[in-house]
Amino acid sequence: MFGKEKIIKTLNIEGMSCMHCVKKVENALKEVKGVKSVKVGLEDKKAVVTLKENVDFELLKKAVEDAGYEVK
């Protein structure tokens, strides 16, 4: 894995109230080009996004907002 750094970004998300919300946010973030994996926690209201390449935070934020949730 020399030369390959993991890029991880964490988003604080408001408005999720159930597992359906979690899935909706996960799916929205997975659609963003460059996203490798997503883990969304309902209790801590966070999404941890692992990227294949550097992705602008605003693109991730827009995906969450377009899904109907707010990034803090």
Protein backbone atom coordinates (compact mmCIF):
# COMPACT_ATOMS: atom_id res chain seq x y z
CA MET A 1 0.00 0.00 0.00
CA PHE A 2 2.91 2.35 -0.47
CA GLY A 3 1.83 5.65 -1.98
CA LYS A 4 -1.84 5.00 -1.32
CA GLU A 5 -3.26 7.02 1.54
CA LYS A 6 -6.80 6.51 2.72
CA ILE A 7 -8.85 9.65 2.52
CA ILE A 8 -11.60 9.70 5.11
CA LYS A 9 -14.11 12.50 5.63
CA THR A 10 -16.70 12.70 8.40
CA LEU A 11 -20.00 14.54 8.02
CA ASN A 12 -22.34 15.47 10.87
CA ILE A 13 -25.89 14.93 9.64
CA GLU A 14 -29.16 16.24 11.06
CA GLY A 15 -32.65 14.99 10.29
CA MET A 16 -32.18 11.21 10.33
CA SER A 17 -34.70 9.39 12.52
CA CYS A 18 -34.69 5.77 11.34
CA MET A 19 -32.75 3.13 9.44
CA HIS A 20 -34.52 4.12 6.22
CA CYS A 21 -32.94 7.56 6.63
CA VAL A 22 -29.53 5.96 7.16
CA LYS A 23 -29.88 3.90 3.96
CA LYS A 24 -31.00 6.95 2.01
CA VAL A 25 -27.94 8.94 3.12
CA GLU A 26 -25.61 5.97 2.46
CA ASN A 27 -26.98 5.50 -1.05
CA ALA A 28 -26.76 9.22 -1.83
CA LEU A 29 -23.11 9.37 -0.76
CA LYS A 30 -22.20 6.17 -2.63
CA GLU A 31 -23.40 7.83 -5.85
CA VAL A 32 -20.70 10.52 -5.59
CA LYS A 33 -17.79 9.80 -7.93
CA GLY A 34 -14.68 8.83 -5.97
CA VAL A 35 -16.46 7.39 -2.92
CA LYS A 36 -15.18 3.96 -1.94
CA SER A 37 -17.38 3.20 1.08
CA VAL A 38 -19.82 4.85 3.48
CA LYS A 39 -20.79 4.09 7.08
CA VAL A 40 -23.65 6.10 8.54
CA GLY A 41 -24.51 6.00 12.24
CA LEU A 42 -28.03 6.88 13.34
CA GLU A 43 -27.15 7.39 17.02
CA ASP A 44 -24.08 9.56 16.50
CA LYS A 45 -25.60 11.27 13.43
CA LYS A 46 -22.40 10.90 11.43
CA ALA A 47 -21.35 9.60 8.05
CA VAL A 48 -17.80 8.35 7.66
CA VAL A 49 -16.88 8.37 3.99
CA THR A 50 -13.81 6.56 2.66
CA LEU A 51 -12.65 7.95 -0.68
CA LYS A 52 -10.69 6.50 -3.61
CA GLU A 53 -9.56 10.00 -4.49
CA ASN A 54 -9.93 13.44 -2.98
CA VAL A 55 -13.55 14.58 -3.30
CA ASP A 56 -14.61 18.13 -2.51
CA PHE A 57 -16.54 18.32 0.77
CA GLU A 58 -19.21 20.43 -0.97
CA LEU A 59 -20.05 17.53 -3.32
CA LEU A 60 -20.60 15.22 -0.36
CA LYS A 61 -22.65 17.87 1.42
CA LYS A 62 -24.80 18.44 -1.67
CA ALA A 63 -25.52 14.70 -2.00
CA VAL A 64 -26.76 14.56 1.60
CA GLU A 65 -28.81 17.73 1.21
CA ASP A 66 -30.34 16.51 -2.07
CA ALA A 67 -31.42 13.38 -0.15
CA GLY A 68 -33.32 15.65 2.27
CA TYR A 69 -30.94 15.93 5.23
CA GLU A 70 -28.74 18.67 6.66
CA VAL A 71 -24.98 18.65 7.08
CA LYS A 72 -23.77 20.54 10.19
